[in-house]
Amino acid sequence: MDRTPITTPCVKVCFVDPKAGVCLGCFRTMEELGCWTRYSDAERDAIMQALPEREAAYRRAREA
């Protein structure tokens, strides 16, 4: 049986901004964090692709 590890953006810096509702380590939402292992590879890939822009938008909002 092939047990390929699940890809994750986790950087082991877990702090959720309650106002934004995202982890400031990986920028996943609470729902995404909780469901990560149940998502399909395609669902995880789509979220991973969205994370850089999510982080950039968060940082822009903080600077405003």
Protein backbone atom coordinates (compact mmCIF):
# COMPACT_ATOMS: atom_id res chain seq x y z
CA MET A 1 0.00 0.00 0.00
CA ASP A 2 1.39 3.40 -1.04
CA ARG A 3 1.08 5.95 1.76
CA THR A 4 2.05 9.20 0.08
CA PRO A 5 2.03 12.07 2.59
CA ILE A 6 -0.67 14.69 2.15
CA THR A 7 0.71 17.97 0.85
CA THR A 8 0.16 20.80 3.31
CA PRO A 9 1.08 24.48 3.49
CA CYS A 10 1.51 24.20 7.27
CA VAL A 11 4.64 25.92 8.57
CA LYS A 12 3.91 24.99 12.21
CA VAL A 13 3.18 28.59 13.14
CA CYS A 14 -0.47 28.27 14.12
CA PHE A 15 -2.19 31.48 15.09
CA VAL A 16 -5.66 32.28 13.82
CA ASP A 17 -6.58 35.91 13.35
CA PRO A 18 -10.14 35.83 14.70
CA LYS A 19 -11.20 38.87 12.68
CA ALA A 20 -9.87 37.56 9.36
CA GLY A 21 -10.61 33.93 10.19
CA VAL A 22 -7.32 32.64 8.78
CA CYS A 23 -4.20 31.05 10.20
CA LEU A 24 -1.33 33.51 9.96
CA GLY A 25 1.15 30.71 9.37
CA CYS A 26 -0.46 29.16 6.28
CA PHE A 27 -3.47 31.43 5.56
CA ARG A 28 -5.99 28.60 5.53
CA THR A 29 -9.43 29.17 7.03
CA MET A 30 -10.63 27.28 10.08
CA GLU A 31 -12.84 25.14 7.83
CA GLU A 32 -9.90 24.33 5.57
CA LEU A 33 -7.73 23.44 8.56
CA GLY A 34 -10.38 21.12 9.94
CA CYS A 35 -11.21 19.43 6.65
CA TRP A 36 -7.73 19.27 5.11
CA THR A 37 -7.28 15.50 5.36
CA ARG A 38 -10.76 14.89 3.93
CA TYR A 39 -10.28 17.09 0.88
CA SER A 40 -9.32 15.51 -2.42
CA ASP A 41 -5.92 16.23 -3.92
CA ALA A 42 -7.62 18.57 -6.41
CA GLU A 43 -9.37 20.48 -3.62
CA ARG A 44 -6.13 20.84 -1.65
CA ASP A 45 -4.28 21.95 -4.80
CA ALA A 46 -6.90 24.62 -5.50
CA ILE A 47 -6.60 25.97 -1.96
CA MET A 48 -2.79 25.89 -2.15
CA GLN A 49 -2.95 27.94 -5.36
CA ALA A 50 -5.16 30.54 -3.64
CA LEU A 51 -2.98 30.97 -0.55
CA PRO A 52 -0.37 33.41 -1.92
CA GLU A 53 -3.05 35.90 -2.99
CA ARG A 54 -4.93 35.37 0.27
CA GLU A 55 -1.77 36.21 2.19
CA ALA A 56 -1.06 39.24 0.01
CA ALA A 57 -4.62 40.53 0.47
CA TYR A 58 -4.34 40.04 4.24
CA ARG A 59 -1.07 42.00 4.36
CA ARG A 60 -2.47 44.79 2.16
CA ALA A 61 -5.49 45.12 4.43
CA ARG A 62 -3.25 45.35 7.49
CA GLU A 63 -1.24 48.17 5.88
CA ALA A 64 -4.32 50.23 5.02
